[in-house]
């Protein structure tokens, strides 16, 4: 059940796909690290270190791009990440629509396809090229700007559309 949000603030709940993909990726990274510690001899410290450090760096890098929520204000959409934010100016926003099937049959061009978030450049027949900052594909809100398409996944998509339409 979505949490109530106030003052243009929205959370970014994780959908089933993201929970599953993140769990598998974490298990693989931890498994590789453990295999490195257990199976590689101590006289190969660089190999051991790489098999532990690289998977941990992958997890840390993915966590940095985690989408934690969104807020609206001052003509901007603010995307809250882990320790930093991205801002999108809404001056050129043409439309906003909730579309739970917007990301279906998408391919990732560049970015993260499910380690703590879906973010980066994607493409499908329905939207063409688009940028996503999301966590639950079933909560997709398609933002059409004059020069680009962006998908976000707030906890209350219908309310988000109503509020962003007032600002854009």
C-alpha atoms as a PDB file:
ATOM      1  CA  UNK A   1       0.000   0.000   0.000  1.00  0.00           C
ATOM      2  CA  UNK A   2       1.460   3.390  -0.990  1.00  0.00           C
ATOM      3  CA  UNK A   3       2.521   5.689   1.783  1.00  0.00           C
ATOM      4  CA  UNK A   4       0.799   9.036   2.048  1.00  0.00           C
ATOM      5  CA  UNK A   5       2.913  11.861   0.730  1.00  0.00           C
ATOM      6  CA  UNK A   6       2.678  15.544   1.452  1.00  0.00           C
ATOM      7  CA  UNK A   7       3.923  18.779  -0.093  1.00  0.00           C
ATOM      8  CA  UNK A   8       4.953  17.380  -3.464  1.00  0.00           C
ATOM      9  CA  UNK A   9       7.085  14.594  -1.999  1.00  0.00           C
ATOM     10  CA  UNK A  10       6.858  11.034  -3.277  1.00  0.00           C
ATOM     11  CA  UNK A  11       8.658   7.866  -2.305  1.00  0.00           C
ATOM     12  CA  UNK A  12      10.025   5.363  -4.805  1.00  0.00           C
ATOM     13  CA  UNK A  13       8.910   1.921  -3.609  1.00  0.00           C
ATOM     14  CA  UNK A  14      10.676  -1.096  -5.056  1.00  0.00           C
ATOM     15  CA  UNK A  15       8.653  -3.305  -7.365  1.00  0.00           C
ATOM     16  CA  UNK A  16       8.875  -7.074  -7.499  1.00  0.00           C
ATOM     17  CA  UNK A  17      11.250  -7.062 -10.498  1.00  0.00           C
ATOM     18  CA  UNK A  18      13.709  -4.700  -8.793  1.00  0.00           C
ATOM     19  CA  UNK A  19      13.662  -6.659  -5.522  1.00  0.00           C
ATOM     20  CA  UNK A  20      14.325  -9.887  -7.399  1.00  0.00           C
ATOM     21  CA  UNK A  21      17.080  -8.488  -9.654  1.00  0.00           C
ATOM     22  CA  UNK A  22      18.832  -6.750  -6.768  1.00  0.00           C
ATOM     23  CA  UNK A  23      18.697  -9.886  -4.606  1.00  0.00           C
ATOM     24  CA  UNK A  24      20.207 -12.009  -7.394  1.00  0.00           C
ATOM     25  CA  UNK A  25      22.944  -9.438  -8.109  1.00  0.00           C
ATOM     26  CA  UNK A  26      23.831  -9.123  -4.416  1.00  0.00           C
ATOM     27  CA  UNK A  27      23.946 -12.920  -4.059  1.00  0.00           C
ATOM     28  CA  UNK A  28      26.236 -13.228  -7.092  1.00  0.00           C
ATOM     29  CA  UNK A  29      28.566 -10.450  -5.912  1.00  0.00           C
ATOM     30  CA  UNK A  30      28.793 -11.828  -2.384  1.00  0.00           C
ATOM     31  CA  UNK A  31      29.252 -15.345  -3.765  1.00  0.00           C
ATOM     32  CA  UNK A  32      32.109 -14.278  -6.031  1.00  0.00           C
ATOM     33  CA  UNK A  33      33.780 -12.536  -3.097  1.00  0.00           C
ATOM     34  CA  UNK A  34      33.447 -15.595  -0.882  1.00  0.00           C
ATOM     35  CA  UNK A  35      34.738 -17.893  -3.609  1.00  0.00           C
ATOM     36  CA  UNK A  36      37.754 -15.605  -3.985  1.00  0.00           C
ATOM     37  CA  UNK A  37      38.469 -15.723  -0.272  1.00  0.00           C
ATOM     38  CA  UNK A  38      38.014 -19.471   0.038  1.00  0.00           C
ATOM     39  CA  UNK A  39      39.408 -20.865  -3.197  1.00  0.00           C
ATOM     40  CA  UNK A  40      42.317 -18.637  -4.172  1.00  0.00           C
ATOM     41  CA  UNK A  41      45.596 -19.315  -2.399  1.00  0.00           C
ATOM     42  CA  UNK A  42      47.062 -16.667  -0.126  1.00  0.00           C
ATOM     43  CA  UNK A  43      50.142 -16.434  -2.339  1.00  0.00           C
ATOM     44  CA  UNK A  44      47.940 -14.727  -4.999  1.00  0.00           C
ATOM     45  CA  UNK A  45      46.912 -11.603  -3.056  1.00  0.00           C
ATOM     46  CA  UNK A  46      46.055  -9.491  -6.122  1.00  0.00           C
ATOM     47  CA  UNK A  47      43.659 -12.110  -7.494  1.00  0.00           C
ATOM     48  CA  UNK A  48      42.073 -12.586  -4.050  1.00  0.00           C
ATOM     49  CA  UNK A  49      41.742  -8.845  -3.542  1.00  0.00           C
ATOM     50  CA  UNK A  50      40.175  -8.380  -7.000  1.00  0.00           C
ATOM     51  CA  UNK A  51      37.626 -11.144  -6.437  1.00  0.00           C
ATOM     52  CA  UNK A  52      36.521  -9.447  -3.215  1.00  0.00           C
ATOM     53  CA  UNK A  53      36.901  -5.775  -4.110  1.00  0.00           C
ATOM     54  CA  UNK A  54      35.386  -5.720  -7.603  1.00  0.00           C
ATOM     55  CA  UNK A  55      32.013  -7.250  -6.606  1.00  0.00           C
ATOM     56  CA  UNK A  56      31.834  -4.900  -3.607  1.00  0.00           C
ATOM     57  CA  UNK A  57      32.608  -1.907  -5.829  1.00  0.00           C
ATOM     58  CA  UNK A  58      29.846  -2.992  -8.211  1.00  0.00           C
ATOM     59  CA  UNK A  59      27.373  -3.076  -5.313  1.00  0.00           C
ATOM     60  CA  UNK A  60      28.566   0.268  -3.973  1.00  0.00           C
ATOM     61  CA  UNK A  61      28.383   1.871  -7.417  1.00  0.00           C
ATOM     62  CA  UNK A  62      24.871   0.556  -7.965  1.00  0.00           C
ATOM     63  CA  UNK A  63      23.752   1.765  -4.545  1.00  0.00           C
ATOM     64  CA  UNK A  64      24.945   5.295  -5.321  1.00  0.00           C
ATOM     65  CA  UNK A  65      22.440   5.490  -8.194  1.00  0.00           C
ATOM     66  CA  UNK A  66      19.524   4.160  -6.129  1.00  0.00           C
ATOM     67  CA  UNK A  67      16.345   6.218  -6.594  1.00  0.00           C
ATOM     68  CA  UNK A  68      14.943   7.020  -3.143  1.00  0.00           C
ATOM     69  CA  UNK A  69      12.124   9.385  -4.074  1.00  0.00           C
ATOM     70  CA  UNK A  70      10.963  12.471  -5.898  1.00  0.00           C
ATOM     71  CA  UNK A  71       9.873  15.949  -4.973  1.00  0.00           C
ATOM     72  CA  UNK A  72       8.238  18.740  -6.929  1.00  0.00           C
ATOM     73  CA  UNK A  73       8.776  22.425  -6.406  1.00  0.00           C
ATOM     74  CA  UNK A  74      10.056  25.662  -7.908  1.00  0.00           C
ATOM     75  CA  UNK A  75       9.331  24.411 -11.419  1.00  0.00           C
ATOM     76  CA  UNK A  76      11.573  21.376 -10.980  1.00  0.00           C
ATOM     77  CA  UNK A  77      11.364  17.645 -10.484  1.00  0.00           C
ATOM     78  CA  UNK A  78      14.005  16.592  -7.971  1.00  0.00           C
ATOM     79  CA  UNK A  79      15.102  12.959  -8.059  1.00  0.00           C
ATOM     80  CA  UNK A  80      16.548  11.899  -4.717  1.00  0.00           C
ATOM     81  CA  UNK A  81      19.430   9.444  -4.912  1.00  0.00           C
ATOM     82  CA  UNK A  82      21.579   8.000  -2.149  1.00  0.00           C
ATOM     83  CA  UNK A  83      23.433  11.131  -0.995  1.00  0.00           C
ATOM     84  CA  UNK A  84      22.723  13.373  -4.006  1.00  0.00           C
ATOM     85  CA  UNK A  85      19.960  14.671  -6.267  1.00  0.00           C
ATOM     86  CA  UNK A  86      19.201  15.178  -9.969  1.00  0.00           C
ATOM     87  CA  UNK A  87      17.044  18.080 -11.083  1.00  0.00           C
ATOM     88  CA  UNK A  88      14.843  18.317 -14.156  1.00  0.00           C
ATOM     89  CA  UNK A  89      13.492  21.706 -15.179  1.00  0.00           C
ATOM     90  CA  UNK A  90       9.783  21.419 -15.936  1.00  0.00           C
ATOM     91  CA  UNK A  91       9.599  24.517 -18.170  1.00  0.00           C
ATOM     92  CA  UNK A  92       9.528  22.391 -21.356  1.00  0.00           C
ATOM     93  CA  UNK A  93       7.173  19.697 -19.988  1.00  0.00           C
ATOM     94  CA  UNK A  94       4.446  18.994 -22.571  1.00  0.00           C
ATOM     95  CA  UNK A  95       2.578  16.176 -20.831  1.00  0.00           C
ATOM     96  CA  UNK A  96       2.598  13.720 -17.952  1.00  0.00           C
ATOM     97  CA  UNK A  97       0.701  10.434 -17.955  1.00  0.00           C
ATOM     98  CA  UNK A  98       0.538   7.376 -15.728  1.00  0.00           C
ATOM     99  CA  UNK A  99       1.156   4.299 -17.872  1.00  0.00           C
ATOM    100  CA  UNK A 100       1.854   1.012 -16.028  1.00  0.00           C
ATOM    101  CA  UNK A 101       2.925  -0.647 -19.298  1.00  0.00           C
ATOM    102  CA  UNK A 102       5.217   2.158 -20.504  1.00  0.00           C
ATOM    103  CA  UNK A 103       8.465   0.237 -19.992  1.00  0.00           C
ATOM    104  CA  UNK A 104       7.312  -3.073 -21.467  1.00  0.00           C
ATOM    105  CA  UNK A 105       9.577  -4.586 -24.116  1.00  0.00           C
ATOM    106  CA  UNK A 106      12.314  -2.048 -23.420  1.00  0.00           C
ATOM    107  CA  UNK A 107      15.978  -2.523 -24.092  1.00  0.00           C
ATOM    108  CA  UNK A 108      18.663  -0.811 -22.067  1.00  0.00           C
ATOM    109  CA  UNK A 109      20.963   1.336 -24.159  1.00  0.00           C
ATOM    110  CA  UNK A 110      23.123   2.572 -21.279  1.00  0.00           C
ATOM    111  CA  UNK A 111      22.621   2.479 -17.549  1.00  0.00           C
ATOM    112  CA  UNK A 112      21.442   0.252 -14.773  1.00  0.00           C
ATOM    113  CA  UNK A 113      18.812  -2.361 -15.482  1.00  0.00           C
ATOM    114  CA  UNK A 114      17.971  -3.470 -11.962  1.00  0.00           C
ATOM    115  CA  UNK A 115      20.701  -3.144  -9.332  1.00  0.00           C
ATOM    116  CA  UNK A 116      18.966  -0.953  -6.723  1.00  0.00           C
ATOM    117  CA  UNK A 117      17.154   0.978  -9.511  1.00  0.00           C
ATOM    118  CA  UNK A 118      16.276   1.182 -13.175  1.00  0.00           C
ATOM    119  CA  UNK A 119      18.097   4.233 -14.450  1.00  0.00           C
ATOM    120  CA  UNK A 120      19.705   5.370 -17.644  1.00  0.00           C
ATOM    121  CA  UNK A 121      18.819   5.349 -21.323  1.00  0.00           C
ATOM    122  CA  UNK A 122      16.268   2.813 -22.538  1.00  0.00           C
ATOM    123  CA  UNK A 123      14.292   2.297 -25.731  1.00  0.00           C
ATOM    124  CA  UNK A 124      11.062   0.632 -26.770  1.00  0.00           C
ATOM    125  CA  UNK A 125       8.595   0.954 -29.630  1.00  0.00           C
ATOM    126  CA  UNK A 126       6.012   2.792 -27.520  1.00  0.00           C
ATOM    127  CA  UNK A 127       8.248   5.609 -26.196  1.00  0.00           C
ATOM    128  CA  UNK A 128      11.269   5.559 -28.488  1.00  0.00           C
ATOM    129  CA  UNK A 129      14.423   6.585 -26.634  1.00  0.00           C
ATOM    130  CA  UNK A 130      13.793   7.604 -23.046  1.00  0.00           C
ATOM    131  CA  UNK A 131      15.547   8.135 -19.744  1.00  0.00           C
ATOM    132  CA  UNK A 132      14.315   6.375 -16.626  1.00  0.00           C
ATOM    133  CA  UNK A 133      14.742   7.092 -12.915  1.00  0.00           C
ATOM    134  CA  UNK A 134      12.663   4.324 -11.394  1.00  0.00           C
ATOM    135  CA  UNK A 135      12.125   1.460  -9.005  1.00  0.00           C
ATOM    136  CA  UNK A 136       8.750  -0.087  -9.928  1.00  0.00           C
ATOM    137  CA  UNK A 137       7.889  -0.390 -13.622  1.00  0.00           C
ATOM    138  CA  UNK A 138       4.174  -0.750 -12.818  1.00  0.00           C
ATOM    139  CA  UNK A 139       4.118   2.801 -11.416  1.00  0.00           C
ATOM    140  CA  UNK A 140       5.589   4.383 -14.554  1.00  0.00           C
ATOM    141  CA  UNK A 141       4.772   8.015 -15.221  1.00  0.00           C
ATOM    142  CA  UNK A 142       5.799   9.181 -18.688  1.00  0.00           C
ATOM    143  CA  UNK A 143       6.983  12.786 -18.822  1.00  0.00           C
ATOM    144  CA  UNK A 144       7.144  14.174 -22.356  1.00  0.00           C
ATOM    145  CA  UNK A 145       9.331  17.233 -22.736  1.00  0.00           C
ATOM    146  CA  UNK A 146       9.958  19.213 -25.927  1.00  0.00           C
ATOM    147  CA  UNK A 147      13.291  17.454 -26.445  1.00  0.00           C
ATOM    148  CA  UNK A 148      13.115  14.181 -24.484  1.00  0.00           C
ATOM    149  CA  UNK A 149      11.023  11.571 -22.692  1.00  0.00           C
ATOM    150  CA  UNK A 150      11.602  10.696 -19.032  1.00  0.00           C
ATOM    151  CA  UNK A 151      10.006   7.921 -16.963  1.00  0.00           C
ATOM    152  CA  UNK A 152       9.726   8.085 -13.165  1.00  0.00           C
ATOM    153  CA  UNK A 153       7.967   5.711 -10.771  1.00  0.00           C
ATOM    154  CA  UNK A 154       6.492   7.531  -7.757  1.00  0.00           C
ATOM    155  CA  UNK A 155       4.471   5.779  -5.040  1.00  0.00           C
ATOM    156  CA  UNK A 156       1.238   7.567  -6.050  1.00  0.00           C
ATOM    157  CA  UNK A 157       1.373   7.925  -9.853  1.00  0.00           C
ATOM    158  CA  UNK A 158      -2.046   9.557 -10.316  1.00  0.00           C
ATOM    159  CA  UNK A 159      -1.370  12.172  -7.642  1.00  0.00           C
ATOM    160  CA  UNK A 160       2.101  12.769  -9.075  1.00  0.00           C
ATOM    161  CA  UNK A 161       0.607  13.440 -12.525  1.00  0.00           C
ATOM    162  CA  UNK A 162      -1.911  15.879 -11.058  1.00  0.00           C
ATOM    163  CA  UNK A 163       0.765  17.767  -9.131  1.00  0.00           C
ATOM    164  CA  UNK A 164       3.392  17.880 -11.888  1.00  0.00           C
ATOM    165  CA  UNK A 165       0.807  19.057 -14.405  1.00  0.00           C
ATOM    166  CA  UNK A 166       0.116  22.076 -12.210  1.00  0.00           C
ATOM    167  CA  UNK A 167       3.853  22.956 -12.184  1.00  0.00           C
ATOM    168  CA  UNK A 168       4.788  22.254 -15.822  1.00  0.00           C
END
